[in-house]
Amino acid sequence: QLQVAESGGGWVLPGGSLRLTCTASSTRVFAYGALEWYRQTPGNQREMVATVGTYGSETYASSVQGRFSVSRDNAKNKAYLQMNNLRPEDTGTYYCKLHNKWGQGTQVTVGS
C-alpha cells in the first residue's frame, strides 16, 4: 500500500528558506500522477500551495507564486518544495498528497 511522508520542516526567520521533501514508498506508483503540496493553519482548512504533474508541470497558489518551487525525482520516489523568502503567514503544517494518500505533515514556523 502506498505511503507518503514529509520531512524538512522547522523554524526559520522571515526571509529565510526551507526545502521540504515528500518520500513515497512505491517507485512504480510514484512515477504517475500529480503530487500536491498543501498547508494547514489552526482553525483553517487545508489549502493547496503547489502541484507537480507526472511530467513536471507546475502550479502554484497565488500567495506563494515566485517564492516557492516544486519538483520531483521519480527515480528516487521524492518530491520537493523549495520555499524561499518565507513569511510569517507561511507558518503551518505542510502535507503532500499522492493518489489520495496523505503524509503525516511537517511543521513550518516562520517567526522572529
PDB file of N, CA and C in Angstrom:
ATOM      1  N   GLN A   1       0.847  -1.180   0.000  1.00  0.00           N
ATOM      2  CA  GLN A   1       0.000   0.000   0.000  1.00  0.00           C
ATOM      3  C   GLN A   1       0.888   1.237   0.000  1.00  0.00           C
ATOM      4  N   LEU A   2       0.521   2.186  -0.831  1.00  0.00           N
ATOM      5  CA  LEU A   2       1.307   3.399  -0.950  1.00  0.00           C
ATOM      6  C   LEU A   2       1.292   4.194   0.351  1.00  0.00           C
ATOM      7  N   GLN A   3       2.460   4.673   0.744  1.00  0.00           N
ATOM      8  CA  GLN A   3       2.583   5.593   1.867  1.00  0.00           C
ATOM      9  C   GLN A   3       3.453   6.758   1.428  1.00  0.00           C
ATOM     10  N   VAL A   4       3.131   7.941   1.956  1.00  0.00           N
ATOM     11  CA  VAL A   4       3.955   9.113   1.692  1.00  0.00           C
ATOM     12  C   VAL A   4       4.316   9.758   3.022  1.00  0.00           C
ATOM     13  N   ALA A   5       5.461  10.404   3.042  1.00  0.00           N
ATOM     14  CA  ALA A   5       5.925  11.031   4.280  1.00  0.00           C
ATOM     15  C   ALA A   5       6.665  12.312   3.957  1.00  0.00           C
ATOM     16  N   GLU A   6       6.369  13.359   4.744  1.00  0.00           N
ATOM     17  CA  GLU A   6       7.028  14.638   4.565  1.00  0.00           C
ATOM     18  C   GLU A   6       8.168  14.780   5.566  1.00  0.00           C
ATOM     19  N   SER A   7       9.159  15.580   5.180  1.00  0.00           N
ATOM     20  CA  SER A   7      10.267  15.905   6.082  1.00  0.00           C
ATOM     21  C   SER A   7      10.827  17.262   5.680  1.00  0.00           C
ATOM     22  N   GLY A   8      11.627  17.839   6.563  1.00  0.00           N
ATOM     23  CA  GLY A   8      12.320  19.077   6.232  1.00  0.00           C
ATOM     24  C   GLY A   8      11.757  20.327   6.866  1.00  0.00           C
ATOM     25  N   GLY A   9      10.688  20.186   7.623  1.00  0.00           N
ATOM     26  CA  GLY A   9      10.138  21.369   8.280  1.00  0.00           C
ATOM     27  C   GLY A   9      11.050  21.875   9.382  1.00  0.00           C
ATOM     28  N   GLY A  10      10.696  23.028   9.922  1.00  0.00           N
ATOM     29  CA  GLY A  10      11.488  23.595  11.003  1.00  0.00           C
ATOM     30  C   GLY A  10      11.115  25.045  11.245  1.00  0.00           C
ATOM     31  N   TRP A  11      11.978  25.702  11.988  1.00  0.00           N
ATOM     32  CA  TRP A  11      11.776  27.116  12.315  1.00  0.00           C
ATOM     33  C   TRP A  11      12.768  27.943  11.513  1.00  0.00           C
ATOM     34  N   VAL A  12      12.290  29.075  10.997  1.00  0.00           N
ATOM     35  CA  VAL A  12      13.150  29.923  10.198  1.00  0.00           C
ATOM     36  C   VAL A  12      12.738  31.378  10.387  1.00  0.00           C
ATOM     37  N   LEU A  13      13.674  32.264  10.264  1.00  0.00           N
ATOM     38  CA  LEU A  13      13.371  33.687  10.329  1.00  0.00           C
ATOM     39  C   LEU A  13      12.678  34.146   9.057  1.00  0.00           C
ATOM     40  N   PRO A  14      11.880  35.212   9.133  1.00  0.00           N
ATOM     41  CA  PRO A  14      11.297  35.772   7.903  1.00  0.00           C
ATOM     42  C   PRO A  14      12.396  36.078   6.880  1.00  0.00           C
ATOM     43  N   GLY A  15      12.100  35.744   5.641  1.00  0.00           N
ATOM     44  CA  GLY A  15      13.084  35.896   4.581  1.00  0.00           C
ATOM     45  C   GLY A  15      13.953  34.683   4.361  1.00  0.00           C
ATOM     46  N   GLY A  16      13.852  33.729   5.257  1.00  0.00           N
ATOM     47  CA  GLY A  16      14.664  32.527   5.150  1.00  0.00           C
ATOM     48  C   GLY A  16      14.080  31.504   4.190  1.00  0.00           C
ATOM     49  N   SER A  17      14.744  30.356   4.113  1.00  0.00           N
ATOM     50  CA  SER A  17      14.358  29.300   3.175  1.00  0.00           C
ATOM     51  C   SER A  17      14.312  27.947   3.871  1.00  0.00           C
ATOM     52  N   LEU A  18      13.470  27.104   3.356  1.00  0.00           N
ATOM     53  CA  LEU A  18      13.410  25.696   3.761  1.00  0.00           C
ATOM     54  C   LEU A  18      13.102  24.868   2.530  1.00  0.00           C
ATOM     55  N   ARG A  19      13.549  23.614   2.550  1.00  0.00           N
ATOM     56  CA  ARG A  19      13.159  22.680   1.499  1.00  0.00           C
ATOM     57  C   ARG A  19      12.482  21.481   2.132  1.00  0.00           C
ATOM     58  N   LEU A  20      11.254  21.259   1.722  1.00  0.00           N
ATOM     59  CA  LEU A  20      10.502  20.100   2.189  1.00  0.00           C
ATOM     60  C   LEU A  20      10.659  18.959   1.190  1.00  0.00           C
ATOM     61  N   THR A  21      10.643  17.751   1.728  1.00  0.00           N
ATOM     62  CA  THR A  21      10.740  16.552   0.906  1.00  0.00           C
ATOM     63  C   THR A  21       9.540  15.650   1.167  1.00  0.00           C
ATOM     64  N   CYS A  22       8.986  15.122   0.104  1.00  0.00           N
ATOM     65  CA  CYS A  22       7.929  14.122   0.201  1.00  0.00           C
ATOM     66  C   CYS A  22       8.492  12.827  -0.371  1.00  0.00           C
ATOM     67  N   THR A  23       8.474  11.765   0.424  1.00  0.00           N
ATOM     68  CA  THR A  23       9.012  10.483   0.001  1.00  0.00           C
ATOM     69  C   THR A  23       7.879   9.465  -0.059  1.00  0.00           C
ATOM     70  N   ALA A  24       7.809   8.734  -1.174  1.00  0.00           N
ATOM     71  CA  ALA A  24       6.774   7.712  -1.347  1.00  0.00           C
ATOM     72  C   ALA A  24       7.389   6.331  -1.227  1.00  0.00           C
ATOM     73  N   SER A  25       6.543   5.373  -0.842  1.00  0.00           N
ATOM     74  CA  SER A  25       7.028   4.007  -0.590  1.00  0.00           C
ATOM     75  C   SER A  25       7.110   3.167  -1.848  1.00  0.00           C
ATOM     76  N   SER A  26       6.533   3.643  -2.958  1.00  0.00           N
ATOM     77  CA  SER A  26       6.470   2.842  -4.177  1.00  0.00           C
ATOM     78  C   SER A  26       7.025   3.614  -5.369  1.00  0.00           C
ATOM     79  N   THR A  27       8.046   3.080  -6.011  1.00  0.00           N
ATOM     80  CA  THR A  27       8.602   3.725  -7.196  1.00  0.00           C
ATOM     81  C   THR A  27       7.603   3.694  -8.348  1.00  0.00           C
ATOM     82  N   ARG A  28       6.979   2.563  -8.526  1.00  0.00           N
ATOM     83  CA  ARG A  28       6.085   2.391  -9.676  1.00  0.00           C
ATOM     84  C   ARG A  28       4.892   3.336  -9.577  1.00  0.00           C
ATOM     85  N   VAL A  29       4.335   3.444  -8.394  1.00  0.00           N
ATOM     86  CA  VAL A  29       3.164   4.301  -8.232  1.00  0.00           C
ATOM     87  C   VAL A  29       3.556   5.770  -8.237  1.00  0.00           C
ATOM     88  N   PHE A  30       4.702   6.070  -7.642  1.00  0.00           N
ATOM     89  CA  PHE A  30       5.107   7.465  -7.524  1.00  0.00           C
ATOM     90  C   PHE A  30       5.257   8.127  -8.878  1.00  0.00           C
ATOM     91  N   ALA A  31       5.713   7.379  -9.868  1.00  0.00           N
ATOM     92  CA  ALA A  31       6.043   7.975 -11.161  1.00  0.00           C
ATOM     93  C   ALA A  31       4.818   8.508 -11.892  1.00  0.00           C
ATOM     94  N   TYR A  32       3.623   8.116 -11.478  1.00  0.00           N
ATOM     95  CA  TYR A  32       2.427   8.510 -12.201  1.00  0.00           C
ATOM     96  C   TYR A  32       1.475   9.257 -11.290  1.00  0.00           C
ATOM     97  N   GLY A  33       0.983  10.364 -11.800  1.00  0.00           N
ATOM     98  CA  GLY A  33       0.009  11.131 -11.034  1.00  0.00           C
ATOM     99  C   GLY A  33       0.587  12.402 -10.469  1.00  0.00           C
ATOM    100  N   ALA A  34      -0.286  13.350 -10.295  1.00  0.00           N
ATOM    101  CA  ALA A  34       0.130  14.638  -9.751  1.00  0.00           C
ATOM    102  C   ALA A  34       0.410  14.515  -8.261  1.00  0.00           C
ATOM    103  N   LEU A  35       1.485  15.146  -7.840  1.00  0.00           N
ATOM    104  CA  LEU A  35       1.787  15.231  -6.419  1.00  0.00           C
ATOM    105  C   LEU A  35       1.455  16.647  -5.960  1.00  0.00           C
ATOM    106  N   GLU A  36       0.755  16.738  -4.864  1.00  0.00           N
ATOM    107  CA  GLU A  36       0.246  18.016  -4.391  1.00  0.00           C
ATOM    108  C   GLU A  36       0.805  18.339  -3.012  1.00  0.00           C
ATOM    109  N   TRP A  37       1.133  19.595  -2.810  1.00  0.00           N
ATOM    110  CA  TRP A  37       1.536  20.104  -1.502  1.00  0.00           C
ATOM    111  C   TRP A  37       0.420  20.989  -0.959  1.00  0.00           C
ATOM    112  N   TYR A  38       0.084  20.756   0.305  1.00  0.00           N
ATOM    113  CA  TYR A  38      -0.937  21.539   0.998  1.00  0.00           C
ATOM    114  C   TYR A  38      -0.336  22.083   2.296  1.00  0.00           C
ATOM    115  N   ARG A  39      -1.001  23.078   2.837  1.00  0.00           N
ATOM    116  CA  ARG A  39      -0.645  23.517   4.186  1.00  0.00           C
ATOM    117  C   ARG A  39      -1.931  23.822   4.950  1.00  0.00           C
ATOM    118  N   GLN A  40      -1.811  23.733   6.253  1.00  0.00           N
ATOM    119  CA  GLN A  40      -2.956  23.989   7.125  1.00  0.00           C
ATOM    120  C   GLN A  40      -2.499  24.773   8.335  1.00  0.00           C
ATOM    121  N   THR A  41      -3.243  25.815   8.652  1.00  0.00           N
ATOM    122  CA  THR A  41      -3.002  26.589   9.865  1.00  0.00           C
ATOM    123  C   THR A  41      -4.166  26.358  10.817  1.00  0.00           C
ATOM    124  N   PRO A  42      -3.957  26.540  12.120  1.00  0.00           N
ATOM    125  CA  PRO A  42      -5.023  26.280  13.095  1.00  0.00           C
ATOM    126  C   PRO A  42      -6.302  27.032  12.764  1.00  0.00           C
ATOM    127  N   GLY A  43      -7.410  26.305  12.765  1.00  0.00           N
ATOM    128  CA  GLY A  43      -8.704  26.914  12.514  1.00  0.00           C
ATOM    129  C   GLY A  43      -9.046  27.088  11.052  1.00  0.00           C
ATOM    130  N   ASN A  44      -8.143  26.686  10.175  1.00  0.00           N
ATOM    131  CA  ASN A  44      -8.381  26.859   8.742  1.00  0.00           C
ATOM    132  C   ASN A  44      -8.337  25.518   8.021  1.00  0.00           C
ATOM    133  N   GLN A  45      -8.957  25.491   6.858  1.00  0.00           N
ATOM    134  CA  GLN A  45      -8.909  24.293   6.044  1.00  0.00           C
ATOM    135  C   GLN A  45      -7.545  24.182   5.363  1.00  0.00           C
ATOM    136  N   ARG A  46      -7.228  22.978   4.950  1.00  0.00           N
ATOM    137  CA  ARG A  46      -6.005  22.803   4.170  1.00  0.00           C
ATOM    138  C   ARG A  46      -6.159  23.521   2.839  1.00  0.00           C
ATOM    139  N   GLU A  47      -5.095  24.189   2.462  1.00  0.00           N
ATOM    140  CA  GLU A  47      -5.102  24.861   1.171  1.00  0.00           C
ATOM    141  C   GLU A  47      -3.955  24.314   0.339  1.00  0.00           C
ATOM    142  N   MET A  48      -4.214  24.173  -0.940  1.00  0.00           N
ATOM    143  CA  MET A  48      -3.177  23.681  -1.827  1.00  0.00           C
ATOM    144  C   MET A  48      -2.204  24.805  -2.133  1.00  0.00           C
ATOM    145  N   VAL A  49      -0.920  24.528  -2.028  1.00  0.00           N
ATOM    146  CA  VAL A  49       0.066  25.562  -2.314  1.00  0.00           C
ATOM    147  C   VAL A  49       0.817  25.305  -3.614  1.00  0.00           C
ATOM    148  N   ALA A  50       0.983  24.041  -3.993  1.00  0.00           N
ATOM    149  CA  ALA A  50       1.704  23.751  -5.229  1.00  0.00           C
ATOM    150  C   ALA A  50       1.427  22.325  -5.674  1.00  0.00           C
ATOM    151  N   THR A  51       1.509  22.114  -6.978  1.00  0.00           N
ATOM    152  CA  THR A  51       1.393  20.764  -7.518  1.00  0.00           C
ATOM    153  C   THR A  51       2.468  20.549  -8.582  1.00  0.00           C
ATOM    154  N   VAL A  52       2.855  19.293  -8.740  1.00  0.00           N
ATOM    155  CA  VAL A  52       3.772  18.929  -9.828  1.00  0.00           C
ATOM    156  C   VAL A  52       3.201  17.695 -10.509  1.00  0.00           C
ATOM    157  N   GLY A  53       2.995  17.789 -11.812  1.00  0.00           N
ATOM    158  CA  GLY A  53       2.402  16.710 -12.564  1.00  0.00           C
ATOM    159  C   GLY A  53       3.388  15.601 -12.873  1.00  0.00           C
ATOM    160  N   THR A  54       2.878  14.551 -13.491  1.00  0.00           N
ATOM    161  CA  THR A  54       3.694  13.382 -13.833  1.00  0.00           C
ATOM    162  C   THR A  54       4.937  13.768 -14.627  1.00  0.00           C
ATOM    163  N   TYR A  55       4.779  14.708 -15.548  1.00  0.00           N
ATOM    164  CA  TYR A  55       5.895  15.095 -16.407  1.00  0.00           C
ATOM    165  C   TYR A  55       6.501  16.432 -16.014  1.00  0.00           C
ATOM    166  N   GLY A  56       6.175  16.878 -14.798  1.00  0.00           N
ATOM    167  CA  GLY A  56       6.859  18.046 -14.257  1.00  0.00           C
ATOM    168  C   GLY A  56       6.126  19.363 -14.365  1.00  0.00           C
ATOM    169  N   SER A  57       4.906  19.361 -14.886  1.00  0.00           N
ATOM    170  CA  SER A  57       4.167  20.616 -14.950  1.00  0.00           C
ATOM    171  C   SER A  57       3.879  21.117 -13.540  1.00  0.00           C
ATOM    172  N   GLU A  58       3.937  22.428 -13.364  1.00  0.00           N
ATOM    173  CA  GLU A  58       3.833  23.015 -12.029  1.00  0.00           C
ATOM    174  C   GLU A  58       2.667  23.994 -11.941  1.00  0.00           C
ATOM    175  N   THR A  59       2.020  24.019 -10.793  1.00  0.00           N
ATOM    176  CA  THR A  59       1.030  25.049 -10.487  1.00  0.00           C
ATOM    177  C   THR A  59       1.274  25.538  -9.069  1.00  0.00           C
ATOM    178  N   TYR A  60       0.906  26.786  -8.829  1.00  0.00           N
ATOM    179  CA  TYR A  60       1.145  27.403  -7.522  1.00  0.00           C
ATOM    180  C   TYR A  60      -0.046  28.248  -7.106  1.00  0.00           C
ATOM    181  N   ALA A  61      -0.276  28.289  -5.800  1.00  0.00           N
ATOM    182  CA  ALA A  61      -1.212  29.253  -5.263  1.00  0.00           C
ATOM    183  C   ALA A  61      -0.627  30.641  -5.446  1.00  0.00           C
ATOM    184  N   SER A  62      -1.493  31.613  -5.617  1.00  0.00           N
ATOM    185  CA  SER A  62      -1.016  32.974  -5.866  1.00  0.00           C
ATOM    186  C   SER A  62      -0.189  33.506  -4.700  1.00  0.00           C
ATOM    187  N   SER A  63      -0.488  33.017  -3.502  1.00  0.00           N
ATOM    188  CA  SER A  63       0.212  33.508  -2.312  1.00  0.00           C
ATOM    189  C   SER A  63       1.676  33.067  -2.258  1.00  0.00           C
ATOM    190  N   VAL A  64       2.036  32.036  -3.030  1.00  0.00           N
ATOM    191  CA  VAL A  64       3.413  31.543  -2.987  1.00  0.00           C
ATOM    192  C   VAL A  64       4.121  31.663  -4.326  1.00  0.00           C
ATOM    193  N   GLN A  65       3.384  32.098  -5.339  1.00  0.00           N
ATOM    194  CA  GLN A  65       3.963  32.239  -6.673  1.00  0.00           C
ATOM    195  C   GLN A  65       5.206  33.118  -6.622  1.00  0.00           C
ATOM    196  N   GLY A  66       6.281  32.635  -7.237  1.00  0.00           N
ATOM    197  CA  GLY A  66       7.515  33.392  -7.261  1.00  0.00           C
ATOM    198  C   GLY A  66       8.414  33.171  -6.063  1.00  0.00           C
ATOM    199  N   ARG A  67       7.902  32.540  -5.027  1.00  0.00           N
ATOM    200  CA  ARG A  67       8.706  32.270  -3.823  1.00  0.00           C
ATOM    201  C   ARG A  67       8.936  30.776  -3.608  1.00  0.00           C
ATOM    202  N   PHE A  68       7.983  29.957  -3.989  1.00  0.00           N
ATOM    203  CA  PHE A  68       8.063  28.513  -3.821  1.00  0.00           C
ATOM    204  C   PHE A  68       8.316  27.855  -5.176  1.00  0.00           C
ATOM    205  N   SER A  69       9.006  26.736  -5.136  1.00  0.00           N
ATOM    206  CA  SER A  69       9.288  25.972  -6.337  1.00  0.00           C
ATOM    207  C   SER A  69       9.110  24.490  -6.038  1.00  0.00           C
ATOM    208  N   VAL A  70       8.363  23.802  -6.890  1.00  0.00           N
ATOM    209  CA  VAL A  70       8.074  22.390  -6.681  1.00  0.00           C
ATOM    210  C   VAL A  70       8.778  21.563  -7.755  1.00  0.00           C
ATOM    211  N   SER A  71       9.241  20.390  -7.371  1.00  0.00           N
ATOM    212  CA  SER A  71       9.901  19.494  -8.323  1.00  0.00           C
ATOM    213  C   SER A  71       9.733  18.052  -7.858  1.00  0.00           C
ATOM    214  N   ARG A  72      10.080  17.118  -8.726  1.00  0.00           N
ATOM    215  CA  ARG A  72      10.005  15.707  -8.365  1.00  0.00           C
ATOM    216  C   ARG A  72      11.156  14.957  -9.009  1.00  0.00           C
ATOM    217  N   ASP A  73      11.571  13.895  -8.341  1.00  0.00           N
ATOM    218  CA  ASP A  73      12.589  12.987  -8.858  1.00  0.00           C
ATOM    219  C   ASP A  73      11.988  11.597  -8.818  1.00  0.00           C
ATOM    220  N   ASN A  74      11.440  11.155  -9.932  1.00  0.00           N
ATOM    221  CA  ASN A  74      10.735   9.873  -9.948  1.00  0.00           C
ATOM    222  C   ASN A  74      11.670   8.698  -9.648  1.00  0.00           C
ATOM    223  N   ALA A  75      12.932   8.812 -10.005  1.00  0.00           N
ATOM    224  CA  ALA A  75      13.871   7.721  -9.757  1.00  0.00           C
ATOM    225  C   ALA A  75      14.118   7.516  -8.259  1.00  0.00           C
ATOM    226  N   LYS A  76      13.909   8.574  -7.474  1.00  0.00           N
ATOM    227  CA  LYS A  76      14.141   8.494  -6.030  1.00  0.00           C
ATOM    228  C   LYS A  76      12.855   8.455  -5.224  1.00  0.00           C
ATOM    229  N   ASN A  77      11.712   8.431  -5.892  1.00  0.00           N
ATOM    230  CA  ASN A  77      10.412   8.456  -5.198  1.00  0.00           C
ATOM    231  C   ASN A  77      10.268   9.708  -4.344  1.00  0.00           C
ATOM    232  N   LYS A  78      10.812  10.814  -4.786  1.00  0.00           N
ATOM    233  CA  LYS A  78      10.783  12.009  -3.953  1.00  0.00           C
ATOM    234  C   LYS A  78      10.249  13.220  -4.719  1.00  0.00           C
ATOM    235  N   ALA A  79       9.613  14.082  -3.987  1.00  0.00           N
ATOM    236  CA  ALA A  79       9.222  15.391  -4.499  1.00  0.00           C
ATOM    237  C   ALA A  79       9.686  16.431  -3.494  1.00  0.00           C
ATOM    238  N   TYR A  80       9.876  17.631  -3.998  1.00  0.00           N
ATOM    239  CA  TYR A  80      10.451  18.682  -3.162  1.00  0.00           C
ATOM    240  C   TYR A  80       9.613  19.948  -3.262  1.00  0.00           C
ATOM    241  N   LEU A  81       9.605  20.688  -2.170  1.00  0.00           N
ATOM    242  CA  LEU A  81       9.009  22.018  -2.167  1.00  0.00           C
ATOM    243  C   LEU A  81      10.071  22.965  -1.611  1.00  0.00           C
ATOM    244  N   GLN A  82      10.675  23.729  -2.507  1.00  0.00           N
ATOM    245  CA  GLN A  82      11.657  24.723  -2.107  1.00  0.00           C
ATOM    246  C   GLN A  82      10.920  26.006  -1.779  1.00  0.00           C
ATOM    247  N   MET A  83      11.099  26.480  -0.558  1.00  0.00           N
ATOM    248  CA  MET A  83      10.376  27.666  -0.086  1.00  0.00           C
ATOM    249  C   MET A  83      11.388  28.757   0.241  1.00  0.00           C
ATOM    250  N   ASN A  84      11.316  29.832  -0.494  1.00  0.00           N
ATOM    251  CA  ASN A  84      12.228  30.960  -0.304  1.00  0.00           C
ATOM    252  C   ASN A  84      11.463  32.193   0.144  1.00  0.00           C
ATOM    253  N   ASN A  85      12.192  33.130   0.723  1.00  0.00           N
ATOM    254  CA  ASN A  85      11.590  34.391   1.178  1.00  0.00           C
ATOM    255  C   ASN A  85      10.339  34.120   2.030  1.00  0.00           C
ATOM    256  N   LEU A  86      10.507  33.251   2.993  1.00  0.00           N
ATOM    257  CA  LEU A  86       9.372  32.844   3.818  1.00  0.00           C
ATOM    258  C   LEU A  86       8.836  33.996   4.655  1.00  0.00           C
ATOM    259  N   ARG A  87       7.545  33.969   4.863  1.00  0.00           N
ATOM    260  CA  ARG A  87       6.836  34.997   5.622  1.00  0.00           C
ATOM    261  C   ARG A  87       6.145  34.358   6.815  1.00  0.00           C
ATOM    262  N   PRO A  88       5.822  35.126   7.839  1.00  0.00           N
ATOM    263  CA  PRO A  88       5.102  34.556   8.985  1.00  0.00           C
ATOM    264  C   PRO A  88       3.798  33.865   8.585  1.00  0.00           C
ATOM    265  N   GLU A  89       3.133  34.373   7.566  1.00  0.00           N
ATOM    266  CA  GLU A  89       1.870  33.753   7.153  1.00  0.00           C
ATOM    267  C   GLU A  89       2.062  32.414   6.448  1.00  0.00           C
ATOM    268  N   ASP A  90       3.297  32.040   6.167  1.00  0.00           N
ATOM    269  CA  ASP A  90       3.572  30.712   5.617  1.00  0.00           C
ATOM    270  C   ASP A  90       3.612  29.642   6.718  1.00  0.00           C
ATOM    271  N   THR A  91       3.566  30.069   7.952  1.00  0.00           N
ATOM    272  CA  THR A  91       3.583  29.129   9.066  1.00  0.00           C
ATOM    273  C   THR A  91       2.406  28.168   8.984  1.00  0.00           C
ATOM    274  N   GLY A  92       2.668  26.905   9.209  1.00  0.00           N
ATOM    275  CA  GLY A  92       1.610  25.906   9.191  1.00  0.00           C
ATOM    276  C   GLY A  92       2.189  24.513   9.088  1.00  0.00           C
ATOM    277  N   THR A  93       1.288  23.554   9.014  1.00  0.00           N
ATOM    278  CA  THR A  93       1.689  22.174   8.794  1.00  0.00           C
ATOM    279  C   THR A  93       1.560  21.866   7.310  1.00  0.00           C
ATOM    280  N   TYR A  94       2.612  21.367   6.731  1.00  0.00           N
ATOM    281  CA  TYR A  94       2.654  21.110   5.296  1.00  0.00           C
ATOM    282  C   TYR A  94       2.515  19.615   5.036  1.00  0.00           C
ATOM    283  N   TYR A  95       1.675  19.308   4.067  1.00  0.00           N
ATOM    284  CA  TYR A  95       1.372  17.928   3.717  1.00  0.00           C
ATOM    285  C   TYR A  95       1.607  17.699   2.228  1.00  0.00           C
ATOM    286  N   CYS A  96       2.007  16.476   1.883  1.00  0.00           N
ATOM    287  CA  CYS A  96       1.986  16.087   0.481  1.00  0.00           C
ATOM    288  C   CYS A  96       0.900  15.036   0.286  1.00  0.00           C
ATOM    289  N   LYS A  97       0.412  14.995  -0.919  1.00  0.00           N
ATOM    290  CA  LYS A  97      -0.692  14.088  -1.268  1.00  0.00           C
ATOM    291  C   LYS A  97      -0.400  13.483  -2.630  1.00  0.00           C
ATOM    292  N   LEU A  98      -0.538  12.152  -2.709  1.00  0.00           N
ATOM    293  CA  LEU A  98      -0.329  11.439  -3.962  1.00  0.00           C
ATOM    294  C   LEU A  98      -1.334  10.304  -4.029  1.00  0.00           C
ATOM    295  N   HIS A  99      -2.072  10.232  -5.114  1.00  0.00           N
ATOM    296  CA  HIS A  99      -3.099   9.190  -5.272  1.00  0.00           C
ATOM    297  C   HIS A  99      -3.990   9.110  -4.027  1.00  0.00           C
ATOM    298  N   ASN A 100      -4.390  10.271  -3.538  1.00  0.00           N
ATOM    299  CA  ASN A 100      -5.291  10.388  -2.387  1.00  0.00           C
ATOM    300  C   ASN A 100      -4.688   9.882  -1.079  1.00  0.00           C
ATOM    301  N   LYS A 101      -3.403   9.681  -1.037  1.00  0.00           N
ATOM    302  CA  LYS A 101      -2.700   9.315   0.207  1.00  0.00           C
ATOM    303  C   LYS A 101      -2.012  10.560   0.758  1.00  0.00           C
ATOM    304  N   TRP A 102      -2.234  10.792   2.059  1.00  0.00           N
ATOM    305  CA  TRP A 102      -1.633  11.938   2.730  1.00  0.00           C
ATOM    306  C   TRP A 102      -0.500  11.477   3.635  1.00  0.00           C
ATOM    307  N   GLY A 103       0.515  12.343   3.762  1.00  0.00           N
ATOM    308  CA  GLY A 103       1.513  12.101   4.777  1.00  0.00           C
ATOM    309  C   GLY A 103       1.037  12.642   6.121  1.00  0.00           C
ATOM    310  N   GLN A 104       1.927  12.542   7.110  1.00  0.00           N
ATOM    311  CA  GLN A 104       1.575  12.966   8.461  1.00  0.00           C
ATOM    312  C   GLN A 104       1.771  14.459   8.664  1.00  0.00           C
ATOM    313  N   GLY A 105       2.456  15.100   7.738  1.00  0.00           N
ATOM    314  CA  GLY A 105       2.671  16.530   7.821  1.00  0.00           C
ATOM    315  C   GLY A 105       4.002  16.875   8.467  1.00  0.00           C
ATOM    316  N   THR A 106       4.512  18.044   8.120  1.00  0.00           N
ATOM    317  CA  THR A 106       5.736  18.562   8.734  1.00  0.00           C
ATOM    318  C   THR A 106       5.499  20.043   9.051  1.00  0.00           C
ATOM    319  N   GLN A 107       5.903  20.450  10.241  1.00  0.00           N
ATOM    320  CA  GLN A 107       5.606  21.793  10.723  1.00  0.00           C
ATOM    321  C   GLN A 107       6.633  22.795  10.215  1.00  0.00           C
ATOM    322  N   VAL A 108       6.130  23.894   9.712  1.00  0.00           N
ATOM    323  CA  VAL A 108       6.966  25.022   9.300  1.00  0.00           C
ATOM    324  C   VAL A 108       6.551  26.234  10.127  1.00  0.00           C
ATOM    325  N   THR A 109       7.530  26.841  10.777  1.00  0.00           N
ATOM    326  CA  THR A 109       7.268  28.027  11.584  1.00  0.00           C
ATOM    327  C   THR A 109       8.190  29.145  11.127  1.00  0.00           C
ATOM    328  N   VAL A 110       7.591  30.262  10.783  1.00  0.00           N
ATOM    329  CA  VAL A 110       8.358  31.429  10.334  1.00  0.00           C
ATOM    330  C   VAL A 110       8.119  32.548  11.337  1.00  0.00           C
ATOM    331  N   GLY A 111       9.154  32.933  12.028  1.00  0.00           N
ATOM    332  CA  GLY A 111       8.975  33.964  13.035  1.00  0.00           C
ATOM    333  C   GLY A 111      10.292  34.441  13.580  1.00  0.00           C
ATOM    334  N   SER A 112      10.200  35.521  14.324  1.00  0.00           N
ATOM    335  CA  SER A 112      11.419  36.080  14.915  1.00  0.00           C
ATOM    336  C   SER A 112      11.572  35.622  16.348  1.00  0.00           C
TER     337      SER A 112
END
